Amino acid sequence: MKRIYYHNDVYYVVLRELKGHQVSNSNGSINMEALKAWRDYLGGDHVLKVQDSYLICETIEEIDYEEIVYTEEYTI
């Protein structure tokens, strides 16, 4: 089962959660190249920071739909 995360009116499928220390340099700064490499490797299109973790995510696209209105007239 996949985890779904909702952020700023957009739904995401969480592909992997990385702790901050897993992608940090020896001086404590975040290694952005490592985050990009994980994102690309997992096929994600977005990275979200949540507290001390990073979520590698895939955006769930909103579909366009047209509401179907039923009437009493039927065509055959």
PDB file of N, CA and C in Angstrom:
ATOM      1  N   MET A   1       0.832  -1.173   0.000  1.00  0.00           N
ATOM      2  CA  MET A   1       0.000   0.000   0.000  1.00  0.00           C
ATOM      3  C   MET A   1       0.880   1.242   0.000  1.00  0.00           C
ATOM      4  N   LYS A   2       0.489   2.235  -0.756  1.00  0.00           N
ATOM      5  CA  LYS A   2       1.237   3.481  -0.846  1.00  0.00           C
ATOM      6  C   LYS A   2       0.651   4.520   0.097  1.00  0.00           C
ATOM      7  N   ARG A   3       1.506   5.367   0.595  1.00  0.00           N
ATOM      8  CA  ARG A   3       1.086   6.453   1.479  1.00  0.00           C
ATOM      9  C   ARG A   3       0.767   7.680   0.630  1.00  0.00           C
ATOM     10  N   ILE A   4      -0.347   8.334   0.937  1.00  0.00           N
ATOM     11  CA  ILE A   4      -0.775   9.551   0.249  1.00  0.00           C
ATOM     12  C   ILE A   4      -0.554  10.726   1.198  1.00  0.00           C
ATOM     13  N   TYR A   5      -0.001  11.816   0.661  1.00  0.00           N
ATOM     14  CA  TYR A   5       0.258  13.009   1.466  1.00  0.00           C
ATOM     15  C   TYR A   5      -0.408  14.194   0.782  1.00  0.00           C
ATOM     16  N   TYR A   6      -1.124  15.008   1.558  1.00  0.00           N
ATOM     17  CA  TYR A   6      -1.838  16.173   1.032  1.00  0.00           C
ATOM     18  C   TYR A   6      -1.118  17.430   1.497  1.00  0.00           C
ATOM     19  N   HIS A   7      -0.734  18.299   0.544  1.00  0.00           N
ATOM     20  CA  HIS A   7       0.003  19.517   0.870  1.00  0.00           C
ATOM     21  C   HIS A   7      -0.342  20.608  -0.142  1.00  0.00           C
ATOM     22  N   ASN A   8      -0.765  21.771   0.357  1.00  0.00           N
ATOM     23  CA  ASN A   8      -1.105  22.918  -0.511  1.00  0.00           C
ATOM     24  C   ASN A   8      -2.086  22.554  -1.627  1.00  0.00           C
ATOM     25  N   ASP A   9      -3.173  21.890  -1.271  1.00  0.00           N
ATOM     26  CA  ASP A   9      -4.236  21.516  -2.212  1.00  0.00           C
ATOM     27  C   ASP A   9      -3.787  20.538  -3.300  1.00  0.00           C
ATOM     28  N   VAL A  10      -2.712  19.815  -3.062  1.00  0.00           N
ATOM     29  CA  VAL A  10      -2.215  18.826  -4.019  1.00  0.00           C
ATOM     30  C   VAL A  10      -1.991  17.512  -3.273  1.00  0.00           C
ATOM     31  N   TYR A  11      -2.360  16.402  -3.917  1.00  0.00           N
ATOM     32  CA  TYR A  11      -2.117  15.077  -3.360  1.00  0.00           C
ATOM     33  C   TYR A  11      -0.853  14.489  -3.971  1.00  0.00           C
ATOM     34  N   TYR A  12      -0.089  13.795  -3.128  1.00  0.00           N
ATOM     35  CA  TYR A  12       1.149  13.164  -3.558  1.00  0.00           C
ATOM     36  C   TYR A  12       1.172  11.707  -3.106  1.00  0.00           C
ATOM     37  N   VAL A  13       1.819  10.855  -3.912  1.00  0.00           N
ATOM     38  CA  VAL A  13       2.130   9.488  -3.504  1.00  0.00           C
ATOM     39  C   VAL A  13       3.549   9.536  -2.950  1.00  0.00           C
ATOM     40  N   VAL A  14       3.725   9.085  -1.719  1.00  0.00           N
ATOM     41  CA  VAL A  14       5.049   9.085  -1.102  1.00  0.00           C
ATOM     42  C   VAL A  14       5.779   7.823  -1.550  1.00  0.00           C
ATOM     43  N   LEU A  15       6.891   8.038  -2.257  1.00  0.00           N
ATOM     44  CA  LEU A  15       7.680   6.916  -2.755  1.00  0.00           C
ATOM     45  C   LEU A  15       8.706   6.455  -1.725  1.00  0.00           C
ATOM     46  N   ARG A  16       9.220   7.411  -0.941  1.00  0.00           N
ATOM     47  CA  ARG A  16      10.202   7.089   0.092  1.00  0.00           C
ATOM     48  C   ARG A  16      10.346   8.260   1.040  1.00  0.00           C
ATOM     49  N   GLU A  17      10.605   7.959   2.300  1.00  0.00           N
ATOM     50  CA  GLU A  17      10.875   8.984   3.302  1.00  0.00           C
ATOM     51  C   GLU A  17      12.329   8.861   3.726  1.00  0.00           C
ATOM     52  N   LEU A  18      13.054   9.977   3.662  1.00  0.00           N
ATOM     53  CA  LEU A  18      14.451  10.014   4.070  1.00  0.00           C
ATOM     54  C   LEU A  18      14.597  10.924   5.279  1.00  0.00           C
ATOM     55  N   LYS A  19      15.319  10.472   6.272  1.00  0.00           N
ATOM     56  CA  LYS A  19      15.613  11.318   7.430  1.00  0.00           C
ATOM     57  C   LYS A  19      16.664  12.343   7.023  1.00  0.00           C
ATOM     58  N   GLY A  20      16.655  13.481   7.675  1.00  0.00           N
ATOM     59  CA  GLY A  20      17.585  14.559   7.344  1.00  0.00           C
ATOM     60  C   GLY A  20      19.041  14.136   7.409  1.00  0.00           C
ATOM     61  N   HIS A  21      19.398  13.309   8.380  1.00  0.00           N
ATOM     62  CA  HIS A  21      20.793  12.892   8.523  1.00  0.00           C
ATOM     63  C   HIS A  21      21.247  11.988   7.378  1.00  0.00           C
ATOM     64  N   GLN A  22      20.299  11.390   6.641  1.00  0.00           N
ATOM     65  CA  GLN A  22      20.655  10.519   5.521  1.00  0.00           C
ATOM     66  C   GLN A  22      21.111  11.308   4.303  1.00  0.00           C
ATOM     67  N   VAL A  23      20.735  12.566   4.219  1.00  0.00           N
ATOM     68  CA  VAL A  23      21.096  13.384   3.055  1.00  0.00           C
ATOM     69  C   VAL A  23      21.838  14.653   3.466  1.00  0.00           C
ATOM     70  N   SER A  24      22.479  14.626   4.634  1.00  0.00           N
ATOM     71  CA  SER A  24      23.205  15.815   5.082  1.00  0.00           C
ATOM     72  C   SER A  24      24.706  15.625   4.909  1.00  0.00           C
ATOM     73  N   ASN A  25      25.392  16.735   4.727  1.00  0.00           N
ATOM     74  CA  ASN A  25      26.845  16.752   4.637  1.00  0.00           C
ATOM     75  C   ASN A  25      27.437  16.662   6.043  1.00  0.00           C
ATOM     76  N   SER A  26      28.756  16.538   6.110  1.00  0.00           N
ATOM     77  CA  SER A  26      29.420  16.427   7.415  1.00  0.00           C
ATOM     78  C   SER A  26      29.268  17.693   8.258  1.00  0.00           C
ATOM     79  N   ASN A  27      29.045  18.837   7.599  1.00  0.00           N
ATOM     80  CA  ASN A  27      28.862  20.089   8.341  1.00  0.00           C
ATOM     81  C   ASN A  27      27.401  20.335   8.738  1.00  0.00           C
ATOM     82  N   GLY A  28      26.500  19.399   8.420  1.00  0.00           N
ATOM     83  CA  GLY A  28      25.102  19.506   8.812  1.00  0.00           C
ATOM     84  C   GLY A  28      24.183  20.084   7.755  1.00  0.00           C
ATOM     85  N   SER A  29      24.740  20.641   6.679  1.00  0.00           N
ATOM     86  CA  SER A  29      23.891  21.191   5.613  1.00  0.00           C
ATOM     87  C   SER A  29      23.334  20.049   4.762  1.00  0.00           C
ATOM     88  N   ILE A  30      22.237  20.313   4.092  1.00  0.00           N
ATOM     89  CA  ILE A  30      21.577  19.297   3.278  1.00  0.00           C
ATOM     90  C   ILE A  30      22.263  19.185   1.919  1.00  0.00           C
ATOM     91  N   ASN A  31      22.543  17.978   1.509  1.00  0.00           N
ATOM     92  CA  ASN A  31      23.158  17.709   0.216  1.00  0.00           C
ATOM     93  C   ASN A  31      22.045  17.635  -0.827  1.00  0.00           C
ATOM     94  N   MET A  32      21.847  18.740  -1.532  1.00  0.00           N
ATOM     95  CA  MET A  32      20.760  18.819  -2.511  1.00  0.00           C
ATOM     96  C   MET A  32      20.981  17.861  -3.680  1.00  0.00           C
ATOM     97  N   GLU A  33      22.229  17.620  -4.037  1.00  0.00           N
ATOM     98  CA  GLU A  33      22.512  16.686  -5.136  1.00  0.00           C
ATOM     99  C   GLU A  33      22.076  15.269  -4.754  1.00  0.00           C
ATOM    100  N   ALA A  34      22.258  14.895  -3.495  1.00  0.00           N
ATOM    101  CA  ALA A  34      21.820  13.576  -3.036  1.00  0.00           C
ATOM    102  C   ALA A  34      20.296  13.481  -3.089  1.00  0.00           C
ATOM    103  N   LEU A  35      19.609  14.555  -2.679  1.00  0.00           N
ATOM    104  CA  LEU A  35      18.139  14.555  -2.759  1.00  0.00           C
ATOM    105  C   LEU A  35      17.661  14.434  -4.196  1.00  0.00           C
ATOM    106  N   LYS A  36      18.295  15.166  -5.104  1.00  0.00           N
ATOM    107  CA  LYS A  36      17.925  15.085  -6.519  1.00  0.00           C
ATOM    108  C   LYS A  36      18.174  13.688  -7.071  1.00  0.00           C
ATOM    109  N   ALA A  37      19.299  13.078  -6.667  1.00  0.00           N
ATOM    110  CA  ALA A  37      19.620  11.733  -7.140  1.00  0.00           C
ATOM    111  C   ALA A  37      18.582  10.729  -6.657  1.00  0.00           C
ATOM    112  N   TRP A  38      18.171  10.812  -5.394  1.00  0.00           N
ATOM    113  CA  TRP A  38      17.118   9.929  -4.878  1.00  0.00           C
ATOM    114  C   TRP A  38      15.810  10.152  -5.617  1.00  0.00           C
ATOM    115  N   ARG A  39      15.446  11.419  -5.824  1.00  0.00           N
ATOM    116  CA  ARG A  39      14.198  11.736  -6.533  1.00  0.00           C
ATOM    117  C   ARG A  39      14.205  11.117  -7.931  1.00  0.00           C
ATOM    118  N   ASP A  40      15.304  11.296  -8.649  1.00  0.00           N
ATOM    119  CA  ASP A  40      15.393  10.770 -10.007  1.00  0.00           C
ATOM    120  C   ASP A  40      15.413   9.239 -10.011  1.00  0.00           C
ATOM    121  N   TYR A  41      16.125   8.641  -9.070  1.00  0.00           N
ATOM    122  CA  TYR A  41      16.219   7.183  -8.988  1.00  0.00           C
ATOM    123  C   TYR A  41      14.855   6.543  -8.721  1.00  0.00           C
ATOM    124  N   LEU A  42      14.062   7.178  -7.857  1.00  0.00           N
ATOM    125  CA  LEU A  42      12.759   6.629  -7.499  1.00  0.00           C
ATOM    126  C   LEU A  42      11.651   7.017  -8.470  1.00  0.00           C
ATOM    127  N   GLY A  43      11.937   7.927  -9.394  1.00  0.00           N
ATOM    128  CA  GLY A  43      10.930   8.342 -10.370  1.00  0.00           C
ATOM    129  C   GLY A  43       9.978   9.383  -9.834  1.00  0.00           C
ATOM    130  N   GLY A  44      10.375  10.090  -8.792  1.00  0.00           N
ATOM    131  CA  GLY A  44       9.534  11.133  -8.217  1.00  0.00           C
ATOM    132  C   GLY A  44       9.653  12.436  -8.985  1.00  0.00           C
ATOM    133  N   ASP A  45       8.740  13.350  -8.699  1.00  0.00           N
ATOM    134  CA  ASP A  45       8.791  14.657  -9.339  1.00  0.00           C
ATOM    135  C   ASP A  45       8.766  15.796  -8.319  1.00  0.00           C
ATOM    136  N   HIS A  46       8.817  15.449  -7.033  1.00  0.00           N
ATOM    137  CA  HIS A  46       8.716  16.475  -6.001  1.00  0.00           C
ATOM    138  C   HIS A  46       9.369  15.971  -4.708  1.00  0.00           C
ATOM    139  N   VAL A  47      10.008  16.879  -3.978  1.00  0.00           N
ATOM    140  CA  VAL A  47      10.566  16.559  -2.664  1.00  0.00           C
ATOM    141  C   VAL A  47       9.944  17.525  -1.665  1.00  0.00           C
ATOM    142  N   LEU A  48       9.366  16.984  -0.599  1.00  0.00           N
ATOM    143  CA  LEU A  48       8.743  17.793   0.444  1.00  0.00           C
ATOM    144  C   LEU A  48       9.510  17.612   1.747  1.00  0.00           C
ATOM    145  N   LYS A  49       9.736  18.730   2.452  1.00  0.00           N
ATOM    146  CA  LYS A  49      10.366  18.663   3.765  1.00  0.00           C
ATOM    147  C   LYS A  49       9.268  18.675   4.817  1.00  0.00           C
ATOM    148  N   VAL A  50       9.253  17.650   5.662  1.00  0.00           N
ATOM    149  CA  VAL A  50       8.270  17.530   6.731  1.00  0.00           C
ATOM    150  C   VAL A  50       9.047  17.297   8.019  1.00  0.00           C
ATOM    151  N   GLN A  51       9.061  18.298   8.883  1.00  0.00           N
ATOM    152  CA  GLN A  51       9.817  18.279  10.136  1.00  0.00           C
ATOM    153  C   GLN A  51      11.277  17.976   9.835  1.00  0.00           C
ATOM    154  N   ASP A  52      11.813  16.858  10.284  1.00  0.00           N
ATOM    155  CA  ASP A  52      13.223  16.542  10.028  1.00  0.00           C
ATOM    156  C   ASP A  52      13.396  15.478   8.947  1.00  0.00           C
ATOM    157  N   SER A  53      12.367  15.267   8.121  1.00  0.00           N
ATOM    158  CA  SER A  53      12.408  14.259   7.064  1.00  0.00           C
ATOM    159  C   SER A  53      12.139  14.888   5.704  1.00  0.00           C
ATOM    160  N   TYR A  54      12.516  14.166   4.676  1.00  0.00           N
ATOM    161  CA  TYR A  54      12.242  14.568   3.290  1.00  0.00           C
ATOM    162  C   TYR A  54      11.428  13.463   2.641  1.00  0.00           C
ATOM    163  N   LEU A  55      10.342  13.848   1.998  1.00  0.00           N
ATOM    164  CA  LEU A  55       9.479  12.893   1.309  1.00  0.00           C
ATOM    165  C   LEU A  55       9.732  12.986  -0.189  1.00  0.00           C
ATOM    166  N   ILE A  56      10.118  11.888  -0.800  1.00  0.00           N
ATOM    167  CA  ILE A  56      10.255  11.814  -2.252  1.00  0.00           C
ATOM    168  C   ILE A  56       8.872  11.411  -2.771  1.00  0.00           C
ATOM    169  N   CYS A  57       8.285  12.277  -3.595  1.00  0.00           N
ATOM    170  CA  CYS A  57       6.877  12.103  -3.968  1.00  0.00           C
ATOM    171  C   CYS A  57       6.661  12.137  -5.470  1.00  0.00           C
ATOM    172  N   GLU A  58       5.512  11.601  -5.839  1.00  0.00           N
ATOM    173  CA  GLU A  58       4.997  11.697  -7.202  1.00  0.00           C
ATOM    174  C   GLU A  58       3.649  12.395  -7.113  1.00  0.00           C
ATOM    175  N   THR A  59       3.464  13.440  -7.905  1.00  0.00           N
ATOM    176  CA  THR A  59       2.232  14.220  -7.875  1.00  0.00           C
ATOM    177  C   THR A  59       1.084  13.422  -8.485  1.00  0.00           C
ATOM    178  N   ILE A  60      -0.048  13.440  -7.804  1.00  0.00           N
ATOM    179  CA  ILE A  60      -1.265  12.834  -8.342  1.00  0.00           C
ATOM    180  C   ILE A  60      -1.996  13.931  -9.103  1.00  0.00           C
ATOM    181  N   GLU A  61      -2.080  13.766 -10.399  1.00  0.00           N
ATOM    182  CA  GLU A  61      -2.693  14.780 -11.250  1.00  0.00           C
ATOM    183  C   GLU A  61      -4.201  14.805 -11.058  1.00  0.00           C
ATOM    184  N   GLU A  62      -4.749  15.995 -11.016  1.00  0.00           N
ATOM    185  CA  GLU A  62      -6.198  16.141 -10.919  1.00  0.00           C
ATOM    186  C   GLU A  62      -6.795  15.916 -12.297  1.00  0.00           C
ATOM    187  N   ILE A  63      -7.855  15.132 -12.348  1.00  0.00           N
ATOM    188  CA  ILE A  63      -8.462  14.831 -13.636  1.00  0.00           C
ATOM    189  C   ILE A  63      -9.532  15.862 -13.975  1.00  0.00           C
ATOM    190  N   ASP A  64      -9.717  16.087 -15.266  1.00  0.00           N
ATOM    191  CA  ASP A  64     -10.810  16.926 -15.731  1.00  0.00           C
ATOM    192  C   ASP A  64     -12.016  16.027 -15.951  1.00  0.00           C
ATOM    193  N   TYR A  65     -13.140  16.472 -15.504  1.00  0.00           N
ATOM    194  CA  TYR A  65     -14.337  15.669 -15.683  1.00  0.00           C
ATOM    195  C   TYR A  65     -15.511  16.575 -15.996  1.00  0.00           C
ATOM    196  N   GLU A  66     -16.511  15.984 -16.592  1.00  0.00           N
ATOM    197  CA  GLU A  66     -17.734  16.692 -16.918  1.00  0.00           C
ATOM    198  C   GLU A  66     -18.868  15.981 -16.199  1.00  0.00           C
ATOM    199  N   GLU A  67     -19.660  16.739 -15.489  1.00  0.00           N
ATOM    200  CA  GLU A  67     -20.756  16.147 -14.737  1.00  0.00           C
ATOM    201  C   GLU A  67     -21.827  15.657 -15.695  1.00  0.00           C
ATOM    202  N   ILE A  68     -22.313  14.467 -15.461  1.00  0.00           N
ATOM    203  CA  ILE A  68     -23.376  13.887 -16.282  1.00  0.00           C
ATOM    204  C   ILE A  68     -24.710  14.195 -15.611  1.00  0.00           C
ATOM    205  N   VAL A  69     -25.581  14.827 -16.380  1.00  0.00           N
ATOM    206  CA  VAL A  69     -26.906  15.173 -15.860  1.00  0.00           C
ATOM    207  C   VAL A  69     -27.916  14.241 -16.515  1.00  0.00           C
ATOM    208  N   TYR A  70     -28.609  13.488 -15.699  1.00  0.00           N
ATOM    209  CA  TYR A  70     -29.611  12.561 -16.216  1.00  0.00           C
ATOM    210  C   TYR A  70     -30.957  13.272 -16.333  1.00  0.00           C
ATOM    211  N   THR A  71     -31.614  13.023 -17.444  1.00  0.00           N
ATOM    212  CA  THR A  71     -32.953  13.553 -17.660  1.00  0.00           C
ATOM    213  C   THR A  71     -33.905  12.374 -17.859  1.00  0.00           C
ATOM    214  N   GLU A  72     -35.154  12.690 -17.974  1.00  0.00           N
ATOM    215  CA  GLU A  72     -36.147  11.625 -18.154  1.00  0.00           C
ATOM    216  C   GLU A  72     -36.230  11.151 -19.594  1.00  0.00           C
ATOM    217  N   GLU A  73     -35.595  11.859 -20.493  1.00  0.00           N
ATOM    218  CA  GLU A  73     -35.610  11.464 -21.899  1.00  0.00           C
ATOM    219  C   GLU A  73     -34.476  10.483 -22.151  1.00  0.00           C
ATOM    220  N   TYR A  74     -34.814   9.397 -22.793  1.00  0.00           N
ATOM    221  CA  TYR A  74     -33.803   8.400 -23.130  1.00  0.00           C
ATOM    222  C   TYR A  74     -33.746   8.265 -24.633  1.00  0.00           C
ATOM    223  N   THR A  75     -32.549   8.177 -25.147  1.00  0.00           N
ATOM    224  CA  THR A  75     -32.395   7.967 -26.584  1.00  0.00           C
ATOM    225  C   THR A  75     -31.830   6.577 -26.808  1.00  0.00           C
ATOM    226  N   ILE A  76     -32.324   5.926 -27.839  1.00  0.00           N
ATOM    227  CA  ILE A  76     -31.857   4.580 -28.155  1.00  0.00           C
ATOM    228  C   ILE A  76     -31.286   4.574 -29.550  1.00  0.00           C
TER     229      ILE A  76
END
